[in-house]
């Protein structure tokens, strides 16, 4: 959504500009904090600290502004040209630079063999029993039901 908002065409709703103000306030506050910290002149409670409440105020105002719903609506159809390529490039950069961590997925599965013409409700009960037996056996199990 962010890539579409930044690279999209057309008028931006007021909530967009409030969100931009929130991001800019955060960037300015973080940069000012880093610079003053490295220089050894940072003082808690100084003007540098005003950036974070400003970020919260802009973000809160954007979230409460009625036009915030317009930010998630699909835009007009893209024409051929640079805009679609720019959107694809932005999405590619975002997906490649996003923090990644491994995701482990496991499953416990119950398996049955249904006879031709068997009662579907009975077979479903057998499959459920096999699934629960697999789960009772621990993670990443396969249980073949009777």
Protein backbone atom coordinates (compact mmCIF):
# COMPACT_ATOMS: atom_id res chain seq x y z
CA UNK A 1 0.00 0.00 0.00
CA UNK A 2 2.85 2.37 0.82
CA UNK A 3 4.43 1.88 -2.59
CA UNK A 4 1.09 2.58 -4.27
CA UNK A 5 0.59 5.72 -2.20
CA UNK A 6 4.03 7.09 -2.94
CA UNK A 7 4.18 6.24 -6.63
CA UNK A 8 0.48 6.63 -7.43
CA UNK A 9 -1.03 9.39 -9.47
CA UNK A 10 -3.84 11.75 -8.67
CA UNK A 11 -4.85 13.76 -5.69
CA UNK A 12 -3.81 12.62 -2.25
CA UNK A 13 -6.34 12.71 0.60
CA UNK A 14 -5.48 14.90 3.63
CA UNK A 15 -4.70 11.80 5.72
CA UNK A 16 -1.84 11.03 3.33
CA UNK A 17 -0.15 14.34 4.12
CA UNK A 18 -0.67 13.80 7.84
CA UNK A 19 1.01 10.40 7.56
CA UNK A 20 3.87 12.00 5.62
CA UNK A 21 4.19 14.60 8.39
CA UNK A 22 4.35 11.79 10.93
CA UNK A 23 7.14 10.01 9.07
CA UNK A 24 9.08 13.25 8.54
CA UNK A 25 8.77 14.20 12.22
CA UNK A 26 10.11 10.78 13.18
CA UNK A 27 13.02 11.04 10.74
CA UNK A 28 13.95 14.54 11.90
CA UNK A 29 13.73 13.56 15.57
CA UNK A 30 15.82 10.41 15.08
CA UNK A 31 18.47 12.21 13.02
CA UNK A 32 18.65 15.10 15.51
CA UNK A 33 18.90 12.67 18.42
CA UNK A 34 21.68 10.70 16.70
CA UNK A 35 23.68 13.79 15.75
CA UNK A 36 23.39 15.47 19.15
CA UNK A 37 24.17 12.15 20.86
CA UNK A 38 27.30 11.65 18.76
CA UNK A 39 28.39 15.22 19.45
CA UNK A 40 27.81 14.70 23.16
CA UNK A 41 25.40 17.63 23.49
CA UNK A 42 22.08 15.84 23.77
CA UNK A 43 20.02 17.00 26.74
CA UNK A 44 16.88 15.06 27.72
CA UNK A 45 13.85 17.32 27.50
CA UNK A 46 15.45 19.53 24.86
CA UNK A 47 13.78 20.62 21.62
CA UNK A 48 15.04 17.42 19.99
CA UNK A 49 12.49 15.47 22.05
CA UNK A 50 9.59 17.36 20.45
CA UNK A 51 9.87 15.33 17.26
CA UNK A 52 8.46 12.16 18.82
CA UNK A 53 5.26 13.76 20.19
CA UNK A 54 4.88 15.53 16.83
CA UNK A 55 5.14 12.15 15.09
CA UNK A 56 2.47 10.74 17.40
CA UNK A 57 0.22 13.77 16.86
CA UNK A 58 0.48 13.64 13.06
CA UNK A 59 -0.03 9.86 13.00
CA UNK A 60 -3.02 10.06 15.35
CA UNK A 61 -4.58 12.87 13.36
CA UNK A 62 -4.11 10.90 10.14
CA UNK A 63 -5.68 7.79 11.66
CA UNK A 64 -8.69 9.76 12.88
CA UNK A 65 -9.12 11.85 9.74
CA UNK A 66 -12.16 10.73 7.69
CA UNK A 67 -10.13 10.49 4.47
CA UNK A 68 -7.94 7.71 5.93
CA UNK A 69 -10.27 5.15 4.33
CA UNK A 70 -9.37 6.56 0.91
CA UNK A 71 -5.76 5.45 1.42
CA UNK A 72 -6.68 1.78 1.03
CA UNK A 73 -9.00 2.14 -1.95
CA UNK A 74 -7.68 0.99 -5.31
CA UNK A 75 -6.47 3.82 -7.48
CA UNK A 76 -7.36 4.45 -11.09
CA UNK A 77 -6.12 1.87 -13.59
CA UNK A 78 -2.48 2.41 -14.45
CA UNK A 79 -1.63 3.39 -17.98
CA UNK A 80 1.35 2.03 -19.84
CA UNK A 81 4.55 3.91 -19.15
CA UNK A 82 6.98 4.55 -16.32
CA UNK A 83 4.48 4.53 -13.42
CA UNK A 84 3.81 0.75 -13.44
CA UNK A 85 7.53 0.00 -13.72
CA UNK A 86 8.24 2.38 -10.85
CA UNK A 87 5.61 0.64 -8.72
CA UNK A 88 7.06 -2.78 -9.49
CA UNK A 89 10.56 -1.53 -8.66
CA UNK A 90 9.34 -0.06 -5.37
CA UNK A 91 7.62 -3.29 -4.41
CA UNK A 92 10.72 -5.31 -5.35
CA UNK A 93 12.96 -3.10 -3.20
CA UNK A 94 10.50 -3.30 -0.30
CA UNK A 95 10.32 -7.08 -0.47
CA UNK A 96 14.09 -7.49 -0.74
CA UNK A 97 14.91 -5.09 2.10
CA UNK A 98 12.24 -6.27 4.54
CA UNK A 99 13.66 -8.00 7.57
CA UNK A 100 13.41 -11.74 7.09
CA UNK A 101 13.44 -14.54 9.56
CA UNK A 102 12.84 -18.22 9.07
CA UNK A 103 9.32 -19.48 9.53
CA UNK A 104 8.91 -23.09 10.52
CA UNK A 105 5.64 -24.81 9.75
CA UNK A 106 4.67 -28.23 10.97
CA UNK A 107 1.59 -30.38 10.70
CA UNK A 108 0.10 -33.44 12.30
CA UNK A 109 -2.06 -35.28 9.80
CA UNK A 110 -4.63 -38.04 10.10
CA UNK A 111 -5.09 -40.25 7.03
CA UNK A 112 -7.79 -42.81 6.21
CA UNK A 113 -8.68 -44.89 3.19
CA UNK A 114 -12.37 -44.69 2.43
CA UNK A 115 -14.10 -47.65 0.84
CA UNK A 116 -16.23 -47.12 -2.25
CA UNK A 117 -19.80 -46.37 -1.21
CA UNK A 118 -18.88 -45.75 2.44
CA UNK A 119 -20.99 -43.42 4.57
CA UNK A 120 -19.44 -39.91 4.24
CA UNK A 121 -20.34 -38.96 7.82
CA UNK A 122 -18.74 -42.11 9.20
CA UNK A 123 -15.62 -41.58 7.12
CA UNK A 124 -15.38 -37.99 8.34
CA UNK A 125 -15.56 -39.24 11.95
CA UNK A 126 -12.77 -41.75 11.19
CA UNK A 127 -10.66 -39.01 9.61
CA UNK A 128 -11.21 -36.78 12.65
CA UNK A 129 -10.18 -39.61 14.98
CA UNK A 130 -7.01 -40.18 12.92
CA UNK A 131 -6.21 -36.46 13.00
CA UNK A 132 -6.65 -36.26 16.79
CA UNK A 133 -4.50 -39.38 17.22
CA UNK A 134 -1.76 -37.72 15.15
CA UNK A 135 -1.98 -34.55 17.27
CA UNK A 136 -1.87 -36.60 20.47
CA UNK A 137 1.31 -38.25 19.19
CA UNK A 138 3.14 -34.92 19.06
CA UNK A 139 4.30 -32.50 16.43
CA UNK A 140 4.88 -33.39 12.80
CA UNK A 141 3.13 -36.76 12.94
CA UNK A 142 1.13 -38.73 10.44
CA UNK A 143 -1.37 -41.23 11.76
CA UNK A 144 -3.08 -43.75 9.51
CA UNK A 145 -6.55 -44.46 10.84
CA UNK A 146 -8.15 -47.89 10.95
